[in-house]
Structure formats: structure tokens, C-alpha cells
Amino acid sequence: MGLFVFLPLVLPLTAWPMARLAEQHLHPRTATRLLTGVAAVMALCSTVCLALVMVVGTAQLPGNPLPDGWSDPQVRAAVPYDEVVGKAAIPALCAVVVASARALWRHGRVRRRAHRALAGLPGTSVAVLPDDVPYAYALPGGRRGRVVVTTALLDRLDPAERRALFAHERAHLTARHHRFLLAVRLAALANPFLRPLRTAVSFTAERWADEEAARAVGSRRTVATAIGKAALVSRGTPVATLAGLAAPGPVPRRVAALLGPAPAARTWPSVFTSVGLAAWAAAFGTAVSAMSSANSAVTMFLILRAATPL
């Protein structure tokens, strides 16, 4: 394996240029799917390699339940600096597992609490809450999910802007943006180098919903006005895991994008552009990461199999 086992831990750096350029030049739908896919694959590869390194470190601990052969010099030689890196990988992988489990538990708890809070309301696709705090969000669950909005926010929007609000939230539900947001959140927990991709997907998912709302209401300016008004009076959604019209982030950039022409719906950028070069660099980094983790996993399996007494 050699140093190749560490490549998936640092290759997410190759996706940083694409994260910035994709949210500026690609259609939000394409950018969201592309960045989420890259983040998920790279996070999986880095976690696999971290687990392989951890095996070497765990086998050196006294009293471990692993076979004695797994601590042989031949096994430790497969990982450079096994004395330091192997043992450091143990708390690192434990931290990744705990943080990911906590994020999944919190995500599920927020959804369950939100659904319980709406249990007494009619089972319509839109739930209007009599609340003095202005906010709106898309609550996934069931077949279609629900759009939750307060009367305080509706009172501040005119009829056309209300239609834009509902179209935006329905776009979140229809495209299942909560899955993209959860995937990049877990990826960033697995590898901190993937945090720029999480930030980019949070923005592109909102832009995706903005474009769908503009197409539904037939006016980009109306959606831009609704976003601006909601941002001025709202503090965002009650919980960060729920997508909403006035989600935290660069609202001026969203408004500026809506006041301009609609983005071209390209599935893959041209290689002769800056975003195309960045996308191919990220794709290359993802491929190398996948090959490195697969090669390391197979090599480690063969080494451990040979070191395990029959």
C-alpha cells in the first residue's frame, strides 16, 4: 500500500476549485448533484482508508481481540509510520462514527418533533401556523412532505410572492433536497476537507429551488422580491436541518442571480472552461481516491489473510 493509503484523506482538496466555480457557473441542479456525488464518494473512500490504518494501530494495542498475526512486522510495514498514524487513526475514526451517528440522530429527532407538532392540524400539503415569528420551511416525510409557514411571514408578502414562497418550498420537497444536504453534512464530518462542498451544496440547493419557483410562477423578479422580503423579516428556519426560503447564506447572490438570465441547463461543463477544468480535476481526484482505497483495501485483506493463522 505504502503512502497510497493516505491519498483519499487529502484528495478532497482537488474538489475545492470546483465547489466555488460550480455554484457560480453551472445550473444549480447540476451543481448540487455533482458536488454531492463527489463529496459522498470521497468521504466513503477516506473513511475506508482510515479504517484500514486503524486496523494496524489497533493490532498493536495490548489485550486487543484481533489475531496476533495482525501485529506482525509484515502487516505494520504496509502502513508508513504505523507507530504514530496507526494509533492516531483509532480516535479519529471513533470521532467520525460518533459525529455521524449524532448528526443522523439529530436529523431524525428534528423531523419527528416537527411532525408531532403538526399532528393536530389538517393533513394538507401546507400547514399555516398562527405565530408572530416569520418563517417557512419544507418538512419532508410521507409521500409529498409538507410546507410549513407562519401567518407572520404570509402577512408580509403579497399574493404573487406567496405563490413564489410555496413554489420554492415545494421544489425542496419534490427534489428531496434534504437528502443532498444530509449527505454532504455527513461527508464533511467524515473528512473536514469536504466542508467547502457542504457550503456550496447548501447554496446550490437553495438556488435550485429558486429556479424552480421562478419557472412555476413565471417571474424571476417576483421570486427575488419574495426572497429579499423574507430575508429581511426572518431569521431563517427554526432548525438548520430544514430547508427554507430565507435560509442562512448569501441571499444577495441569490437575488442577483434571479435578476439575471436563467442559467443554461447543461449536464456537464465544457472542458475548455474554468469550471470544466475544475470539474475534470475533481473527477480525476475522485477516481484516484476510489482506486487508492480499493487497492489499499484489497492489499490489506490479502496481507491480513496471510498473517492470520489457520
Protein backbone atom coordinates (compact mmCIF):
# COMPACT_ATOMS: atom_id res chain seq x y z
CA MET A 1 0.00 0.00 0.00
CA GLY A 2 2.66 2.50 1.06
CA LEU A 3 1.75 6.15 1.04
CA PHE A 4 -1.17 5.48 -1.32
CA VAL A 5 -3.30 4.60 1.69
CA PHE A 6 -3.21 8.26 2.73
CA LEU A 7 -4.21 9.70 -0.65
CA PRO A 8 -8.01 9.55 -0.08
CA LEU A 9 -7.54 11.62 3.07
CA VAL A 10 -6.14 14.62 1.15
CA LEU A 11 -7.59 14.23 -2.36
CA PRO A 12 -10.75 16.19 -1.40
CA LEU A 13 -8.53 19.25 -1.82
CA THR A 14 -8.83 18.70 -5.59
CA ALA A 15 -12.56 19.47 -5.36
CA TRP A 16 -12.18 22.92 -3.79
CA PRO A 17 -11.90 24.83 -7.08
CA MET A 18 -14.93 23.01 -8.47
CA ALA A 19 -17.00 23.83 -5.38
CA ARG A 20 -16.55 27.54 -5.95
CA LEU A 21 -16.83 27.55 -9.73
CA ALA A 22 -19.77 25.14 -9.94
CA GLU A 23 -22.03 27.29 -7.78
CA GLN A 24 -21.21 30.28 -9.98
CA HIS A 25 -21.32 28.82 -13.50
CA LEU A 26 -23.31 25.58 -13.50
CA HIS A 27 -27.06 25.12 -13.33
CA PRO A 28 -27.91 24.71 -9.62
CA ARG A 29 -29.45 21.30 -10.25
CA THR A 30 -26.29 20.03 -11.96
CA ALA A 31 -24.02 21.61 -9.36
CA THR A 32 -25.96 20.10 -6.45
CA ARG A 33 -25.90 16.59 -7.86
CA LEU A 34 -22.28 16.80 -8.98
CA LEU A 35 -20.91 18.20 -5.72
CA THR A 36 -22.95 15.80 -3.59
CA GLY A 37 -21.75 12.79 -5.60
CA VAL A 38 -18.11 13.86 -5.37
CA ALA A 39 -18.40 14.55 -1.63
CA ALA A 40 -20.09 11.21 -0.92
CA VAL A 41 -17.53 9.14 -2.83
CA MET A 42 -14.54 10.96 -1.36
CA ALA A 43 -15.93 10.70 2.16
CA LEU A 44 -16.50 6.97 1.76
CA CYS A 45 -13.00 6.42 0.39
CA SER A 46 -11.30 8.42 3.14
CA THR A 47 -13.31 6.56 5.81
CA VAL A 48 -12.34 3.19 4.34
CA CYS A 49 -8.65 4.10 4.34
CA LEU A 50 -8.89 5.49 7.86
CA ALA A 51 -10.39 2.16 8.95
CA LEU A 52 -7.56 0.25 7.26
CA VAL A 53 -4.95 2.34 9.06
CA MET A 54 -6.86 1.87 12.32
CA VAL A 55 -6.61 -1.90 12.00
CA VAL A 56 -2.83 -1.64 12.08
CA GLY A 57 -2.94 0.64 15.10
CA THR A 58 -5.47 -1.48 16.98
CA ALA A 59 -3.50 -4.67 16.41
CA GLN A 60 -0.56 -3.15 18.32
CA LEU A 61 -2.58 -2.47 21.47
CA PRO A 62 -2.17 -4.99 24.27
CA GLY A 63 -5.26 -7.03 25.01
CA ASN A 64 -6.96 -6.35 21.68
CA PRO A 65 -9.28 -9.09 20.38
CA LEU A 66 -7.61 -9.23 16.94
CA PRO A 67 -5.47 -12.20 15.85
CA ASP A 68 -1.85 -11.97 16.99
CA GLY A 69 -0.63 -12.19 13.42
CA TRP A 70 -2.19 -8.81 12.61
CA SER A 71 0.54 -7.08 14.65
CA ASP A 72 3.39 -8.79 12.80
CA PRO A 73 6.09 -6.55 11.26
CA GLN A 74 4.91 -7.53 7.77
CA VAL A 75 1.46 -6.11 8.48
CA ARG A 76 2.80 -2.92 10.08
CA ALA A 77 5.15 -2.40 7.14
CA ALA A 78 2.13 -1.98 4.86
CA VAL A 79 1.36 1.39 6.51
CA PRO A 80 4.16 4.00 6.73
CA TYR A 81 4.74 5.46 10.20
CA ASP A 82 2.46 2.79 11.66
CA GLU A 83 3.52 3.57 15.23
CA VAL A 84 2.09 7.09 15.08
CA VAL A 85 -0.50 7.07 12.29
CA GLY A 86 -1.96 3.68 13.14
CA LYS A 87 -2.74 4.62 16.72
CA ALA A 88 -3.87 8.16 15.83
CA ALA A 89 -6.42 6.67 13.41
CA ILE A 90 -8.25 4.98 16.30
CA PRO A 91 -9.63 8.14 17.97
CA ALA A 92 -10.04 9.79 14.54
CA LEU A 93 -12.32 7.04 13.23
CA CYS A 94 -14.20 6.91 16.53
CA ALA A 95 -14.81 10.66 16.27
CA VAL A 96 -16.13 10.26 12.71
CA VAL A 97 -18.51 7.49 13.75
CA VAL A 98 -19.79 9.35 16.80
CA ALA A 99 -20.25 12.63 14.92
CA SER A 100 -22.06 10.95 12.04
CA ALA A 101 -24.33 8.98 14.36
CA ARG A 102 -25.13 12.15 16.31
CA ALA A 103 -25.94 14.05 13.10
CA LEU A 104 -28.27 11.28 11.90
CA TRP A 105 -29.97 11.08 15.29
CA ARG A 106 -30.44 14.86 15.46
CA HIS A 107 -31.79 14.96 11.91
CA GLY A 108 -34.34 12.26 12.69
CA ARG A 109 -35.27 13.87 16.01
CA VAL A 110 -35.95 17.25 14.35
CA ARG A 111 -38.22 15.66 11.77
CA ARG A 112 -40.10 13.63 14.36
CA ARG A 113 -40.64 16.64 16.62
CA ALA A 114 -41.81 18.76 13.70
CA HIS A 115 -44.32 16.13 12.61
CA ARG A 116 -45.61 15.72 16.16
CA ALA A 117 -46.06 19.48 16.45
CA LEU A 118 -48.27 19.43 13.34
CA ALA A 119 -50.22 16.33 14.34
CA GLY A 120 -53.31 18.31 15.37
CA LEU A 121 -53.56 20.24 12.09
CA PRO A 122 -55.41 19.11 8.96
CA GLY A 123 -53.37 16.75 6.82
CA THR A 124 -52.94 19.18 3.94
CA SER A 125 -49.75 19.80 1.99
CA VAL A 126 -49.48 23.30 3.54
CA ALA A 127 -49.56 23.96 7.29
CA VAL A 128 -50.15 27.59 8.31
CA LEU A 129 -49.18 28.31 11.91
CA PRO A 130 -50.55 31.32 13.83
CA ASP A 131 -47.18 32.57 15.00
CA ASP A 132 -45.73 36.06 15.40
CA VAL A 133 -42.31 34.83 14.26
CA PRO A 134 -41.98 34.91 10.44
CA TYR A 135 -40.51 31.75 8.95
CA ALA A 136 -41.24 28.99 6.45
CA TYR A 137 -39.64 25.64 5.75
CA ALA A 138 -40.10 22.39 3.87
CA LEU A 139 -40.74 19.39 6.11
CA PRO A 140 -40.02 16.07 4.38
CA GLY A 141 -41.92 12.94 5.28
CA GLY A 142 -44.76 10.85 3.98
CA ARG A 143 -45.46 10.81 0.27
CA ARG A 144 -45.07 14.51 -0.51
CA GLY A 145 -43.99 16.24 2.69
CA ARG A 146 -45.47 19.48 3.95
CA VAL A 147 -44.78 23.18 3.61
CA VAL A 148 -44.88 24.94 6.98
CA VAL A 149 -45.32 28.71 7.08
CA THR A 150 -46.40 31.19 9.73
CA THR A 151 -49.04 33.89 9.38
CA ALA A 152 -46.42 36.49 10.31
CA LEU A 153 -44.50 35.75 7.10
CA LEU A 154 -47.57 35.47 4.88
CA ASP A 155 -48.80 38.86 6.08
CA ARG A 156 -45.59 40.46 4.80
CA LEU A 157 -45.88 39.04 1.27
CA ASP A 158 -48.31 39.93 -1.49
CA PRO A 159 -50.25 37.16 -3.32
CA ALA A 160 -47.65 36.71 -6.08
CA GLU A 161 -44.82 36.49 -3.56
CA ARG A 162 -46.79 33.94 -1.56
CA ARG A 163 -47.05 31.77 -4.66
CA ALA A 164 -43.29 32.10 -5.07
CA LEU A 165 -42.80 31.08 -1.44
CA PHE A 166 -44.92 27.93 -1.79
CA ALA A 167 -43.31 27.04 -5.12
CA HIS A 168 -39.85 27.35 -3.55
CA GLU A 169 -40.69 25.10 -0.62
CA ARG A 170 -42.43 22.53 -2.84
CA ALA A 171 -39.31 22.42 -5.00
CA HIS A 172 -37.30 21.45 -1.92
CA LEU A 173 -39.72 18.60 -1.26
CA THR A 174 -40.06 17.42 -4.85
CA ALA A 175 -36.29 17.25 -5.43
CA ARG A 176 -35.69 15.83 -1.93
CA HIS A 177 -33.05 18.42 -1.15
CA HIS A 178 -32.87 17.24 2.45
CA ARG A 179 -31.11 14.11 1.22
CA PHE A 180 -28.44 16.10 -0.59
CA LEU A 181 -27.93 18.34 2.43
CA LEU A 182 -27.68 15.38 4.79
CA ALA A 183 -25.24 13.56 2.51
CA VAL A 184 -22.80 16.48 2.29
CA ARG A 185 -23.16 17.11 6.01
CA LEU A 186 -22.08 13.55 6.78
CA ALA A 187 -19.31 13.81 4.20
CA ALA A 188 -17.94 16.94 5.87
CA LEU A 189 -17.98 15.13 9.21
CA ALA A 190 -16.07 12.20 7.71
CA ASN A 191 -13.43 14.47 6.16
CA PRO A 192 -13.08 18.16 7.14
CA PHE A 193 -11.55 18.90 3.73
CA LEU A 194 -15.04 18.42 2.27
CA ARG A 195 -16.58 21.33 4.18
CA PRO A 196 -16.36 23.71 1.19
CA LEU A 197 -18.51 21.26 -0.77
CA ARG A 198 -21.10 21.24 2.02
CA THR A 199 -21.25 25.04 1.92
CA ALA A 200 -21.54 25.03 -1.85
CA VAL A 201 -24.36 22.45 -1.87
CA SER A 202 -26.29 24.42 0.76
CA PHE A 203 -26.20 27.38 -1.64
CA THR A 204 -26.89 25.46 -4.87
CA ALA A 205 -29.85 23.63 -3.33
CA GLU A 206 -31.44 26.98 -2.49
CA ARG A 207 -30.64 28.25 -5.99
CA TRP A 208 -32.19 25.10 -7.46
CA ALA A 209 -35.40 25.78 -5.55
CA ASP A 210 -35.25 29.44 -6.61
CA GLU A 211 -35.11 28.49 -10.28
CA GLU A 212 -37.94 26.00 -9.93
CA ALA A 213 -40.05 28.64 -8.19
CA ALA A 214 -39.28 31.19 -10.93
CA ARG A 215 -40.36 28.68 -13.57
CA ALA A 216 -43.54 27.86 -11.67
CA VAL A 217 -44.70 31.46 -11.12
CA GLY A 218 -43.32 32.75 -14.41
CA SER A 219 -41.45 35.71 -12.92
CA ARG A 220 -37.87 35.70 -11.71
CA ARG A 221 -38.28 39.18 -10.23
CA THR A 222 -41.21 38.06 -8.07
CA VAL A 223 -39.16 35.24 -6.56
CA ALA A 224 -36.25 37.62 -5.98
CA THR A 225 -38.55 40.07 -4.21
CA ALA A 226 -40.05 37.32 -2.06
CA ILE A 227 -36.57 36.12 -1.03
CA GLY A 228 -35.48 39.66 -0.20
CA LYS A 229 -38.55 40.38 1.91
CA ALA A 230 -38.34 37.04 3.72
CA ALA A 231 -34.66 37.57 4.47
CA LEU A 232 -35.34 40.99 5.98
CA VAL A 233 -38.03 39.79 8.39
CA SER A 234 -36.99 36.19 9.01
CA ARG A 235 -34.09 34.66 10.89
CA GLY A 236 -34.22 31.52 8.78
CA THR A 237 -35.80 28.22 9.64
CA PRO A 238 -36.26 27.17 13.29
CA VAL A 239 -33.70 24.39 12.83
CA ALA A 240 -30.76 24.38 10.43
CA THR A 241 -31.60 20.91 9.08
CA LEU A 242 -34.83 22.19 7.50
CA ALA A 243 -34.62 23.95 4.13
CA GLY A 244 -36.44 27.25 3.78
CA LEU A 245 -36.91 30.27 1.54
CA ALA A 246 -34.83 32.60 3.72
CA ALA A 247 -32.19 30.04 4.60
CA PRO A 248 -28.96 31.39 6.09
CA GLY A 249 -26.41 32.17 3.43
CA PRO A 250 -25.60 34.62 0.64
CA VAL A 251 -29.11 35.92 -0.02
CA PRO A 252 -27.82 38.89 -2.11
CA ARG A 253 -26.16 36.42 -4.50
CA ARG A 254 -29.42 34.51 -4.89
CA VAL A 255 -31.34 37.70 -5.57
CA ALA A 256 -28.73 38.88 -8.08
CA ALA A 257 -28.86 35.54 -9.88
CA LEU A 258 -32.65 35.73 -10.16
CA LEU A 259 -32.49 39.25 -11.55
CA GLY A 260 -30.23 37.95 -14.32
CA PRO A 261 -30.95 35.45 -17.10
CA ALA A 262 -31.84 31.85 -16.31
CA PRO A 263 -28.81 29.52 -16.17
CA ALA A 264 -28.23 27.09 -19.01
CA ALA A 265 -29.27 23.54 -18.14
CA ARG A 266 -26.05 21.70 -19.02
CA THR A 267 -25.40 18.24 -17.61
CA TRP A 268 -21.59 18.57 -17.76
CA PRO A 269 -19.45 21.68 -18.30
CA SER A 270 -17.22 22.03 -21.33
CA VAL A 271 -13.59 21.11 -20.71
CA PHE A 272 -12.49 24.35 -22.35
CA THR A 273 -13.86 26.46 -19.48
CA SER A 274 -12.52 27.11 -15.99
CA VAL A 275 -15.41 25.27 -14.36
CA GLY A 276 -14.92 22.40 -16.82
CA LEU A 277 -11.24 22.08 -15.91
CA ALA A 278 -12.13 22.20 -12.22
CA ALA A 279 -14.82 19.55 -12.69
CA TRP A 280 -12.43 17.22 -14.51
CA ALA A 281 -9.79 17.79 -11.83
CA ALA A 282 -12.32 16.87 -9.15
CA ALA A 283 -13.44 13.84 -11.17
CA PHE A 284 -9.81 12.77 -11.51
CA GLY A 285 -9.27 13.21 -7.77
CA THR A 286 -12.41 11.20 -7.05
CA ALA A 287 -11.31 8.40 -9.36
CA VAL A 288 -7.82 8.28 -7.86
CA SER A 289 -9.34 8.29 -4.37
CA ALA A 290 -11.62 5.37 -5.26
CA MET A 291 -8.78 3.40 -6.83
CA SER A 292 -6.44 4.08 -3.92
CA SER A 293 -8.97 3.00 -1.32
CA ALA A 294 -9.93 -0.09 -3.32
CA ASN A 295 -6.27 -1.05 -3.86
CA SER A 296 -5.48 -0.47 -0.19
CA ALA A 297 -8.50 -2.50 0.94
CA VAL A 298 -7.61 -5.44 -1.29
CA THR A 299 -3.93 -5.30 -0.32
CA MET A 300 -4.73 -5.12 3.38
CA PHE A 301 -7.19 -8.01 3.06
CA LEU A 302 -4.55 -10.20 1.41
CA ILE A 303 -1.92 -9.24 3.99
CA LEU A 304 -4.21 -9.90 6.94
CA ARG A 305 -5.36 -13.17 5.41
CA ALA A 306 -1.77 -14.31 5.04
CA ALA A 307 -0.96 -13.22 8.61
CA THR A 308 -3.98 -14.95 10.15
CA PRO A 309 -3.19 -18.44 11.40
CA LEU A 310 -5.49 -21.19 10.17
